[in-house]
Amino acid sequence: MRQVAEALADARRGDQTAFADLVRHHQGMVFGLAYNFLRDRALAEELAQEVFLHLYRSLTQIESPEHLSFWLRKVTGHRCIDYTRRHKHDARVSVDDLPDQPCEFRESDPLMSEMLKKLVATLPERPRMILALRYQEDLDPAEIAEVLSMPVNTVKSHLRRSLAMLREKVSRSLGEVEV
C-alpha cells in the first residue's frame, strides 16, 4: 500500500483507488472503536461505513495524515455517542445481569474480561467513549479533549469517576476480592 500522505493527496484529487487505500489503512481503528463502544458487530460495521462515506464527502477538509486520524476518531466518537442517544430505549446491560458468585481473578480470565466489557457498557455515552479513546486508542487526556471538543480537566474527571465506578462495580460483583 502506498504511503498515507500520498494516498490522501491522490484521493483528494479524485483517485478512487487511493481512497480505498485510506479506508483499508484506517478501517481497523474506526471499526474497533465503534465495536468496543456499541458492542454490536453489525452496528459497528454500519457506523464505520457512515464514517467513511462522510470522509469521502469531506476529503477536501483533511490537511494531513495526522489530521485524518484525528478526524476519523472524532467523527467515529461523535457518531457512536449520537447513535446511543437516539436509541436510549434499546436494552442495556444491567449490573444485575452479571454473575452473582465471586470468581477467582486471573490475568487471562475470559469471564473477567467479558464482565469488564459488560460493566463498561453500563457507563453513560461520553465517559464510555473517553475510556475507549484512552485505553483502546491509547490517547492521552489532552488528545481526547481535542477529539471530543471538551476541556482536558473534564476528560480527566470523567476518567477518574468512570474508573472509580468500575472498581466499585467489580468489587460488588466479585464479593470482597480487592481489585
N, C-alpha and C. Protein backbone atom coordinates (compact mmCIF):
# COMPACT_ATOMS: atom_id res chain seq x y z
N MET A 1 0.84 -1.19 0.00
CA MET A 1 0.00 0.00 0.00
C MET A 1 0.88 1.24 0.00
N ARG A 2 0.45 2.23 -0.72
CA ARG A 2 1.21 3.49 -0.77
C ARG A 2 1.19 4.20 0.57
N GLN A 3 2.03 5.16 0.74
CA GLN A 3 2.08 5.95 1.96
C GLN A 3 0.76 6.70 2.14
N VAL A 4 0.39 6.91 3.39
CA VAL A 4 -0.89 7.56 3.70
C VAL A 4 -0.92 8.98 3.13
N ALA A 5 0.17 9.71 3.24
CA ALA A 5 0.19 11.09 2.72
C ALA A 5 -0.04 11.10 1.21
N GLU A 6 0.60 10.18 0.53
CA GLU A 6 0.44 10.09 -0.93
C GLU A 6 -1.00 9.68 -1.28
N ALA A 7 -1.52 8.70 -0.56
CA ALA A 7 -2.89 8.24 -0.82
C ALA A 7 -3.89 9.36 -0.54
N LEU A 8 -3.65 10.13 0.51
CA LEU A 8 -4.54 11.24 0.84
C LEU A 8 -4.53 12.28 -0.26
N ALA A 9 -3.35 12.64 -0.72
CA ALA A 9 -3.25 13.64 -1.80
C ALA A 9 -3.94 13.14 -3.06
N ASP A 10 -3.73 11.88 -3.42
CA ASP A 10 -4.36 11.32 -4.61
C ASP A 10 -5.88 11.22 -4.44
N ALA A 11 -6.34 10.83 -3.26
CA ALA A 11 -7.78 10.72 -3.01
C ALA A 11 -8.45 12.08 -3.10
N ARG A 12 -7.77 13.11 -2.63
CA ARG A 12 -8.33 14.47 -2.70
C ARG A 12 -8.48 14.92 -4.16
N ARG A 13 -7.67 14.33 -5.05
CA ARG A 13 -7.77 14.66 -6.48
C ARG A 13 -8.77 13.75 -7.20
N GLY A 14 -9.44 12.85 -6.43
CA GLY A 14 -10.48 12.02 -7.03
C GLY A 14 -10.08 10.59 -7.34
N ASP A 15 -8.90 10.17 -6.95
CA ASP A 15 -8.43 8.80 -7.20
C ASP A 15 -9.16 7.84 -6.26
N GLN A 16 -10.03 7.00 -6.84
CA GLN A 16 -10.83 6.05 -6.06
C GLN A 16 -9.96 4.98 -5.39
N THR A 17 -8.93 4.54 -6.07
CA THR A 17 -8.04 3.53 -5.51
C THR A 17 -7.32 4.09 -4.28
N ALA A 18 -6.93 5.33 -4.35
CA ALA A 18 -6.26 5.97 -3.22
C ALA A 18 -7.21 6.06 -2.02
N PHE A 19 -8.48 6.39 -2.30
CA PHE A 19 -9.45 6.46 -1.21
C PHE A 19 -9.64 5.07 -0.59
N ALA A 20 -9.70 4.04 -1.43
CA ALA A 20 -9.83 2.67 -0.94
C ALA A 20 -8.62 2.31 -0.05
N ASP A 21 -7.44 2.76 -0.44
CA ASP A 21 -6.24 2.53 0.38
C ASP A 21 -6.37 3.21 1.75
N LEU A 22 -6.91 4.43 1.76
CA LEU A 22 -7.12 5.13 3.03
C LEU A 22 -8.10 4.37 3.92
N VAL A 23 -9.17 3.87 3.31
CA VAL A 23 -10.16 3.12 4.07
C VAL A 23 -9.51 1.86 4.66
N ARG A 24 -8.78 1.12 3.82
CA ARG A 24 -8.12 -0.10 4.30
C ARG A 24 -7.15 0.20 5.44
N HIS A 25 -6.44 1.30 5.32
CA HIS A 25 -5.46 1.66 6.34
C HIS A 25 -6.11 2.01 7.68
N HIS A 26 -7.29 2.63 7.66
CA HIS A 26 -7.91 3.13 8.88
C HIS A 26 -9.13 2.33 9.34
N GLN A 27 -9.55 1.34 8.57
CA GLN A 27 -10.80 0.66 8.91
C GLN A 27 -10.72 -0.09 10.25
N GLY A 28 -9.57 -0.63 10.58
CA GLY A 28 -9.43 -1.33 11.86
C GLY A 28 -9.66 -0.40 13.04
N MET A 29 -9.08 0.79 12.97
CA MET A 29 -9.24 1.75 14.06
C MET A 29 -10.70 2.18 14.18
N VAL A 30 -11.32 2.54 13.05
CA VAL A 30 -12.70 3.04 13.07
C VAL A 30 -13.65 1.93 13.54
N PHE A 31 -13.53 0.75 12.95
CA PHE A 31 -14.40 -0.35 13.33
C PHE A 31 -14.17 -0.74 14.79
N GLY A 32 -12.91 -0.84 15.21
CA GLY A 32 -12.60 -1.23 16.58
C GLY A 32 -13.18 -0.28 17.60
N LEU A 33 -13.05 1.00 17.35
CA LEU A 33 -13.60 2.00 18.26
C LEU A 33 -15.13 1.88 18.32
N ALA A 34 -15.76 1.75 17.17
CA ALA A 34 -17.22 1.62 17.13
C ALA A 34 -17.67 0.32 17.78
N TYR A 35 -16.98 -0.77 17.49
CA TYR A 35 -17.39 -2.07 18.04
C TYR A 35 -17.24 -2.11 19.55
N ASN A 36 -16.13 -1.62 20.06
CA ASN A 36 -15.93 -1.63 21.50
C ASN A 36 -16.87 -0.69 22.23
N PHE A 37 -17.36 0.30 21.54
CA PHE A 37 -18.32 1.21 22.15
C PHE A 37 -19.74 0.64 22.06
N LEU A 38 -20.13 0.18 20.88
CA LEU A 38 -21.50 -0.28 20.65
C LEU A 38 -21.72 -1.74 21.03
N ARG A 39 -20.64 -2.54 21.00
CA ARG A 39 -20.70 -3.96 21.33
C ARG A 39 -21.66 -4.73 20.41
N ASP A 40 -21.72 -4.31 19.17
CA ASP A 40 -22.57 -4.98 18.18
C ASP A 40 -21.85 -4.87 16.83
N ARG A 41 -21.47 -6.02 16.28
CA ARG A 41 -20.69 -6.06 15.05
C ARG A 41 -21.40 -5.38 13.88
N ALA A 42 -22.67 -5.70 13.68
CA ALA A 42 -23.42 -5.14 12.55
C ALA A 42 -23.55 -3.62 12.68
N LEU A 43 -23.84 -3.14 13.88
CA LEU A 43 -23.95 -1.69 14.09
C LEU A 43 -22.60 -1.01 13.87
N ALA A 44 -21.53 -1.65 14.35
CA ALA A 44 -20.19 -1.07 14.20
C ALA A 44 -19.82 -1.00 12.72
N GLU A 45 -20.15 -2.03 11.95
CA GLU A 45 -19.87 -2.02 10.51
C GLU A 45 -20.65 -0.91 9.81
N GLU A 46 -21.92 -0.79 10.18
CA GLU A 46 -22.76 0.26 9.58
C GLU A 46 -22.24 1.65 9.92
N LEU A 47 -21.88 1.83 11.18
CA LEU A 47 -21.36 3.13 11.61
C LEU A 47 -20.04 3.43 10.91
N ALA A 48 -19.17 2.43 10.75
CA ALA A 48 -17.89 2.63 10.07
C ALA A 48 -18.14 3.04 8.62
N GLN A 49 -19.11 2.42 7.98
CA GLN A 49 -19.44 2.81 6.61
C GLN A 49 -19.90 4.26 6.53
N GLU A 50 -20.72 4.66 7.50
CA GLU A 50 -21.17 6.06 7.53
C GLU A 50 -20.00 7.01 7.72
N VAL A 51 -19.06 6.64 8.58
CA VAL A 51 -17.90 7.49 8.84
C VAL A 51 -17.07 7.64 7.56
N PHE A 52 -16.85 6.53 6.85
CA PHE A 52 -16.04 6.61 5.62
C PHE A 52 -16.79 7.33 4.50
N LEU A 53 -18.10 7.22 4.46
CA LEU A 53 -18.87 8.00 3.49
C LEU A 53 -18.73 9.49 3.80
N HIS A 54 -18.81 9.83 5.08
CA HIS A 54 -18.62 11.22 5.49
C HIS A 54 -17.21 11.69 5.15
N LEU A 55 -16.23 10.81 5.32
CA LEU A 55 -14.85 11.15 4.95
C LEU A 55 -14.76 11.45 3.46
N TYR A 56 -15.38 10.61 2.66
CA TYR A 56 -15.33 10.81 1.21
C TYR A 56 -15.87 12.19 0.82
N ARG A 57 -16.95 12.57 1.49
CA ARG A 57 -17.56 13.88 1.20
C ARG A 57 -16.75 15.05 1.78
N SER A 58 -15.86 14.74 2.72
CA SER A 58 -15.11 15.80 3.42
C SER A 58 -13.62 15.78 3.11
N LEU A 59 -13.20 15.02 2.12
CA LEU A 59 -11.77 14.88 1.83
C LEU A 59 -11.04 16.21 1.66
N THR A 60 -11.70 17.18 1.08
CA THR A 60 -11.03 18.47 0.82
C THR A 60 -10.68 19.19 2.12
N GLN A 61 -11.31 18.82 3.22
CA GLN A 61 -11.04 19.47 4.51
C GLN A 61 -9.87 18.82 5.26
N ILE A 62 -9.46 17.63 4.83
CA ILE A 62 -8.40 16.90 5.53
C ILE A 62 -7.05 17.42 5.07
N GLU A 63 -6.24 17.87 6.03
CA GLU A 63 -5.00 18.56 5.70
C GLU A 63 -3.75 17.68 5.69
N SER A 64 -3.78 16.59 6.48
CA SER A 64 -2.57 15.76 6.61
C SER A 64 -2.98 14.38 7.12
N PRO A 65 -2.06 13.41 7.06
CA PRO A 65 -2.37 12.08 7.63
C PRO A 65 -2.72 12.14 9.12
N GLU A 66 -2.05 13.00 9.87
CA GLU A 66 -2.34 13.14 11.29
C GLU A 66 -3.74 13.71 11.48
N HIS A 67 -4.08 14.70 10.67
CA HIS A 67 -5.42 15.30 10.74
C HIS A 67 -6.47 14.25 10.37
N LEU A 68 -6.16 13.40 9.42
CA LEU A 68 -7.09 12.34 9.01
C LEU A 68 -7.37 11.40 10.18
N SER A 69 -6.34 10.94 10.88
CA SER A 69 -6.55 10.05 12.03
C SER A 69 -7.36 10.74 13.12
N PHE A 70 -7.01 11.97 13.40
CA PHE A 70 -7.75 12.77 14.39
C PHE A 70 -9.21 12.90 13.96
N TRP A 71 -9.44 13.26 12.71
CA TRP A 71 -10.79 13.47 12.18
C TRP A 71 -11.60 12.19 12.27
N LEU A 72 -11.02 11.07 11.89
CA LEU A 72 -11.74 9.79 11.93
C LEU A 72 -12.12 9.40 13.37
N ARG A 73 -11.20 9.60 14.32
CA ARG A 73 -11.54 9.30 15.72
C ARG A 73 -12.66 10.21 16.21
N LYS A 74 -12.56 11.47 15.87
CA LYS A 74 -13.57 12.44 16.31
C LYS A 74 -14.94 12.09 15.74
N VAL A 75 -15.02 11.87 14.45
CA VAL A 75 -16.30 11.56 13.81
C VAL A 75 -16.85 10.23 14.33
N THR A 76 -15.99 9.23 14.48
CA THR A 76 -16.45 7.94 14.99
C THR A 76 -16.98 8.09 16.41
N GLY A 77 -16.26 8.80 17.24
CA GLY A 77 -16.71 9.02 18.61
C GLY A 77 -18.04 9.71 18.68
N HIS A 78 -18.19 10.76 17.92
CA HIS A 78 -19.45 11.50 17.93
C HIS A 78 -20.59 10.67 17.36
N ARG A 79 -20.32 9.91 16.30
CA ARG A 79 -21.37 9.05 15.72
C ARG A 79 -21.82 7.98 16.71
N CYS A 80 -20.89 7.40 17.45
CA CYS A 80 -21.24 6.39 18.45
C CYS A 80 -22.12 6.99 19.54
N ILE A 81 -21.70 8.14 20.05
CA ILE A 81 -22.48 8.80 21.10
C ILE A 81 -23.86 9.18 20.57
N ASP A 82 -23.92 9.74 19.37
CA ASP A 82 -25.21 10.11 18.78
C ASP A 82 -26.11 8.89 18.61
N TYR A 83 -25.54 7.78 18.16
CA TYR A 83 -26.33 6.57 17.97
C TYR A 83 -26.96 6.12 19.29
N THR A 84 -26.16 6.07 20.35
CA THR A 84 -26.70 5.60 21.63
C THR A 84 -27.73 6.57 22.19
N ARG A 85 -27.58 7.84 21.94
CA ARG A 85 -28.59 8.81 22.40
C ARG A 85 -29.90 8.63 21.65
N ARG A 86 -29.81 8.34 20.35
CA ARG A 86 -31.04 8.12 19.56
C ARG A 86 -31.73 6.82 19.91
N HIS A 87 -30.99 5.87 20.45
CA HIS A 87 -31.54 4.55 20.74
C HIS A 87 -31.49 4.22 22.23
N LYS A 88 -31.77 5.20 23.05
CA LYS A 88 -31.72 5.01 24.50
C LYS A 88 -32.68 3.93 24.98
N HIS A 89 -33.78 3.76 24.27
CA HIS A 89 -34.79 2.79 24.68
C HIS A 89 -34.33 1.34 24.47
N ASP A 90 -33.27 1.14 23.70
CA ASP A 90 -32.76 -0.22 23.47
C ASP A 90 -32.26 -0.80 24.78
N ALA A 91 -32.24 -2.10 24.84
CA ALA A 91 -31.81 -2.79 26.06
C ALA A 91 -30.35 -2.47 26.37
N ARG A 92 -30.09 -2.30 27.63
CA ARG A 92 -28.73 -2.07 28.10
C ARG A 92 -28.35 -3.21 29.03
N VAL A 93 -27.09 -3.40 29.17
CA VAL A 93 -26.60 -4.42 30.10
C VAL A 93 -26.75 -3.86 31.51
N SER A 94 -27.31 -4.64 32.38
CA SER A 94 -27.50 -4.24 33.76
C SER A 94 -26.46 -4.93 34.63
N VAL A 95 -26.10 -4.30 35.72
CA VAL A 95 -25.18 -4.92 36.65
C VAL A 95 -25.83 -6.18 37.22
N ASP A 96 -27.15 -6.21 37.26
CA ASP A 96 -27.86 -7.38 37.76
C ASP A 96 -27.67 -8.59 36.86
N ASP A 97 -27.31 -8.39 35.60
CA ASP A 97 -27.09 -9.49 34.67
C ASP A 97 -25.74 -10.17 34.87
N LEU A 98 -24.89 -9.59 35.69
CA LEU A 98 -23.57 -10.16 35.91
C LEU A 98 -23.65 -11.31 36.90
N PRO A 99 -22.68 -12.21 36.88
CA PRO A 99 -22.72 -13.37 37.78
C PRO A 99 -22.74 -12.95 39.25
N ASP A 100 -23.54 -13.68 40.05
CA ASP A 100 -23.63 -13.38 41.48
C ASP A 100 -22.47 -13.98 42.26
N GLN A 101 -21.96 -15.11 41.79
CA GLN A 101 -20.92 -15.81 42.50
C GLN A 101 -19.57 -15.15 42.28
N PRO A 102 -18.85 -14.90 43.35
CA PRO A 102 -17.49 -14.39 43.16
C PRO A 102 -16.65 -15.42 42.40
N CYS A 103 -15.79 -14.94 41.54
CA CYS A 103 -14.92 -15.85 40.81
C CYS A 103 -13.48 -15.41 41.02
N GLU A 104 -12.58 -16.35 40.87
CA GLU A 104 -11.17 -16.06 41.06
C GLU A 104 -10.68 -15.24 39.87
N PHE A 105 -9.97 -14.17 40.16
CA PHE A 105 -9.43 -13.32 39.09
C PHE A 105 -8.08 -13.86 38.66
N ARG A 106 -7.95 -14.08 37.36
CA ARG A 106 -6.67 -14.45 36.76
C ARG A 106 -6.43 -13.47 35.62
N GLU A 107 -5.17 -13.20 35.36
CA GLU A 107 -4.81 -12.21 34.33
C GLU A 107 -5.47 -12.51 32.99
N SER A 108 -5.58 -13.77 32.61
CA SER A 108 -6.14 -14.11 31.30
C SER A 108 -7.54 -14.70 31.42
N ASP A 109 -8.26 -14.36 32.47
CA ASP A 109 -9.58 -14.91 32.72
C ASP A 109 -10.59 -14.33 31.73
N PRO A 110 -11.11 -15.16 30.80
CA PRO A 110 -12.05 -14.64 29.80
C PRO A 110 -13.36 -14.18 30.43
N LEU A 111 -13.77 -14.79 31.54
CA LEU A 111 -15.00 -14.36 32.20
C LEU A 111 -14.84 -12.96 32.78
N MET A 112 -13.66 -12.68 33.34
CA MET A 112 -13.40 -11.34 33.88
C MET A 112 -13.40 -10.32 32.75
N SER A 113 -12.78 -10.67 31.65
CA SER A 113 -12.74 -9.77 30.50
C SER A 113 -14.16 -9.46 30.01
N GLU A 114 -14.99 -10.49 29.90
CA GLU A 114 -16.37 -10.28 29.45
C GLU A 114 -17.15 -9.46 30.47
N MET A 115 -16.92 -9.73 31.76
CA MET A 115 -17.61 -8.97 32.79
C MET A 115 -17.21 -7.49 32.72
N LEU A 116 -15.92 -7.21 32.52
CA LEU A 116 -15.48 -5.82 32.42
C LEU A 116 -16.11 -5.13 31.22
N LYS A 117 -16.21 -5.84 30.10
CA LYS A 117 -16.87 -5.26 28.91
C LYS A 117 -18.31 -4.91 29.23
N LYS A 118 -19.00 -5.78 29.95
CA LYS A 118 -20.39 -5.52 30.31
C LYS A 118 -20.49 -4.34 31.27
N LEU A 119 -19.55 -4.25 32.21
CA LEU A 119 -19.56 -3.13 33.14
C LEU A 119 -19.29 -1.81 32.43
N VAL A 120 -18.35 -1.81 31.52
CA VAL A 120 -18.06 -0.60 30.75
C VAL A 120 -19.28 -0.19 29.94
N ALA A 121 -20.02 -1.18 29.42
CA ALA A 121 -21.22 -0.89 28.63
C ALA A 121 -22.32 -0.23 29.46
N THR A 122 -22.25 -0.32 30.80
CA THR A 122 -23.26 0.31 31.64
C THR A 122 -22.98 1.80 31.87
N LEU A 123 -21.80 2.25 31.48
CA LEU A 123 -21.46 3.66 31.69
C LEU A 123 -22.22 4.54 30.69
N PRO A 124 -22.44 5.80 31.04
CA PRO A 124 -23.05 6.75 30.09
C PRO A 124 -22.16 6.92 28.85
N GLU A 125 -22.73 7.45 27.78
CA GLU A 125 -22.06 7.51 26.49
C GLU A 125 -20.71 8.22 26.51
N ARG A 126 -20.68 9.44 26.98
CA ARG A 126 -19.44 10.22 26.91
C ARG A 126 -18.32 9.59 27.74
N PRO A 127 -18.56 9.20 29.01
CA PRO A 127 -17.48 8.54 29.75
C PRO A 127 -17.03 7.23 29.10
N ARG A 128 -17.96 6.50 28.51
CA ARG A 128 -17.60 5.24 27.84
C ARG A 128 -16.70 5.53 26.64
N MET A 129 -17.01 6.58 25.87
CA MET A 129 -16.16 6.93 24.72
C MET A 129 -14.80 7.40 25.20
N ILE A 130 -14.75 8.15 26.29
CA ILE A 130 -13.48 8.61 26.84
C ILE A 130 -12.62 7.41 27.25
N LEU A 131 -13.23 6.41 27.89
CA LEU A 131 -12.47 5.20 28.25
C LEU A 131 -11.97 4.48 27.00
N ALA A 132 -12.80 4.39 25.98
CA ALA A 132 -12.39 3.71 24.74
C ALA A 132 -11.21 4.44 24.10
N LEU A 133 -11.29 5.77 24.04
CA LEU A 133 -10.19 6.53 23.44
C LEU A 133 -8.92 6.42 24.27
N ARG A 134 -9.07 6.36 25.59
CA ARG A 134 -7.90 6.28 26.46
C ARG A 134 -7.24 4.91 26.42
N TYR A 135 -8.04 3.86 26.57
CA TYR A 135 -7.45 2.53 26.75
C TYR A 135 -7.44 1.68 25.48
N GLN A 136 -8.27 2.00 24.51
CA GLN A 136 -8.22 1.27 23.24
C GLN A 136 -7.31 1.99 22.26
N GLU A 137 -7.50 3.28 22.11
CA GLU A 137 -6.72 4.06 21.16
C GLU A 137 -5.44 4.62 21.78
N ASP A 138 -5.28 4.48 23.10
CA ASP A 138 -4.09 4.92 23.82
C ASP A 138 -3.82 6.41 23.65
N LEU A 139 -4.89 7.20 23.65
CA LEU A 139 -4.74 8.65 23.56
C LEU A 139 -4.58 9.21 24.97
N ASP A 140 -3.80 10.27 25.10
CA ASP A 140 -3.69 10.90 26.41
C ASP A 140 -4.86 11.87 26.60
N PRO A 141 -5.11 12.32 27.83
CA PRO A 141 -6.27 13.18 28.08
C PRO A 141 -6.34 14.43 27.20
N ALA A 142 -5.19 15.03 26.88
CA ALA A 142 -5.20 16.23 26.03
C ALA A 142 -5.70 15.88 24.62
N GLU A 143 -5.27 14.73 24.10
CA GLU A 143 -5.71 14.31 22.78
C GLU A 143 -7.21 13.98 22.78
N ILE A 144 -7.66 13.34 23.85
CA ILE A 144 -9.09 13.01 23.97
C ILE A 144 -9.91 14.30 24.02
N ALA A 145 -9.42 15.27 24.79
CA ALA A 145 -10.12 16.55 24.90
C ALA A 145 -10.26 17.20 23.53
N GLU A 146 -9.20 17.12 22.74
CA GLU A 146 -9.24 17.70 21.40
C GLU A 146 -10.22 16.95 20.50
N VAL A 147 -10.20 15.62 20.56
CA VAL A 147 -11.10 14.80 19.73
C VAL A 147 -12.56 15.06 20.07
N LEU A 148 -12.86 15.16 21.37
CA LEU A 148 -14.26 15.32 21.80
C LEU A 148 -14.65 16.77 22.05
N SER A 149 -13.75 17.71 21.77
CA SER A 149 -14.03 19.14 21.95
C SER A 149 -14.51 19.45 23.36
N MET A 150 -13.71 19.08 24.32
CA MET A 150 -14.05 19.36 25.72
C MET A 150 -12.78 19.70 26.48
N PRO A 151 -12.91 20.35 27.63
CA PRO A 151 -11.72 20.70 28.41
C PRO A 151 -10.98 19.45 28.92
N VAL A 152 -9.66 19.57 29.03
CA VAL A 152 -8.83 18.46 29.48
C VAL A 152 -9.25 18.02 30.88
N ASN A 153 -9.54 18.98 31.75
CA ASN A 153 -9.93 18.62 33.12
C ASN A 153 -11.24 17.85 33.15
N THR A 154 -12.13 18.11 32.22
CA THR A 154 -13.38 17.35 32.14
C THR A 154 -13.08 15.91 31.74
N VAL A 155 -12.17 15.73 30.81
CA VAL A 155 -11.76 14.38 30.40
C VAL A 155 -11.17 13.65 31.61
N LYS A 156 -10.28 14.31 32.32
CA LYS A 156 -9.65 13.68 33.49
C LYS A 156 -10.69 13.33 34.55
N SER A 157 -11.67 14.21 34.76
CA SER A 157 -12.73 13.94 35.73
C SER A 157 -13.55 12.72 35.31
N HIS A 158 -13.90 12.66 34.03
CA HIS A 158 -14.65 11.51 33.52
C HIS A 158 -13.85 10.22 33.71
N LEU A 159 -12.56 10.27 33.43
CA LEU A 159 -11.72 9.08 33.60
C LEU A 159 -11.69 8.64 35.06
N ARG A 160 -11.46 9.58 35.97
CA ARG A 160 -11.40 9.25 37.39
C ARG A 160 -12.71 8.67 37.89
N ARG A 161 -13.82 9.35 37.57
CA ARG A 161 -15.12 8.87 38.04
C ARG A 161 -15.50 7.53 37.42
N SER A 162 -15.22 7.37 36.13
CA SER A 162 -15.56 6.11 35.45
C SER A 162 -14.78 4.95 36.04
N LEU A 163 -13.49 5.16 36.25
CA LEU A 163 -12.66 4.09 36.83
C LEU A 163 -13.10 3.78 38.26
N ALA A 164 -13.48 4.79 39.01
CA ALA A 164 -13.96 4.56 40.38
C ALA A 164 -15.27 3.77 40.35
N MET A 165 -16.18 4.13 39.44
CA MET A 165 -17.44 3.39 39.31
C MET A 165 -17.18 1.95 38.91
N LEU A 166 -16.25 1.74 37.99
CA LEU A 166 -15.94 0.37 37.55
C LEU A 166 -15.33 -0.44 38.69
N ARG A 167 -14.44 0.19 39.46
CA ARG A 167 -13.84 -0.52 40.60
C ARG A 167 -14.92 -0.96 41.59
N GLU A 168 -15.84 -0.04 41.86
CA GLU A 168 -16.92 -0.35 42.80
C GLU A 168 -17.80 -1.49 42.26
N LYS A 169 -18.14 -1.43 40.99
CA LYS A 169 -18.98 -2.48 40.39
C LYS A 169 -18.26 -3.82 40.36
N VAL A 170 -16.97 -3.80 40.07
CA VAL A 170 -16.21 -5.05 40.05
C VAL A 170 -16.14 -5.61 41.47
N SER A 171 -15.90 -4.77 42.45
CA SER A 171 -15.83 -5.22 43.84
C SER A 171 -17.14 -5.84 44.27
N ARG A 172 -18.26 -5.21 43.90
CA ARG A 172 -19.56 -5.78 44.25
C ARG A 172 -19.78 -7.10 43.56
N SER A 173 -19.38 -7.19 42.29
CA SER A 173 -19.60 -8.41 41.52
C SER A 173 -18.72 -9.56 41.99
N LEU A 174 -17.54 -9.24 42.47
CA LEU A 174 -16.60 -10.29 42.88
C LEU A 174 -16.64 -10.56 44.38
N GLY A 175 -17.46 -9.87 45.08
CA GLY A 175 -17.51 -10.05 46.53
C GLY A 175 -16.47 -9.18 47.18
N GLU A 176 -15.71 -9.75 48.06
CA GLU A 176 -14.73 -8.99 48.82
C GLU A 176 -13.34 -9.00 48.22
N VAL A 177 -13.19 -9.50 47.00
CA VAL A 177 -11.88 -9.52 46.35
C VAL A 177 -11.47 -8.10 46.03
N GLU A 178 -10.29 -7.69 46.42
CA GLU A 178 -9.82 -6.33 46.11
C GLU A 178 -9.30 -6.29 44.70
N VAL A 179 -9.66 -5.21 43.98
CA VAL A 179 -9.22 -5.03 42.60
C VAL A 179 -8.40 -3.78 42.50
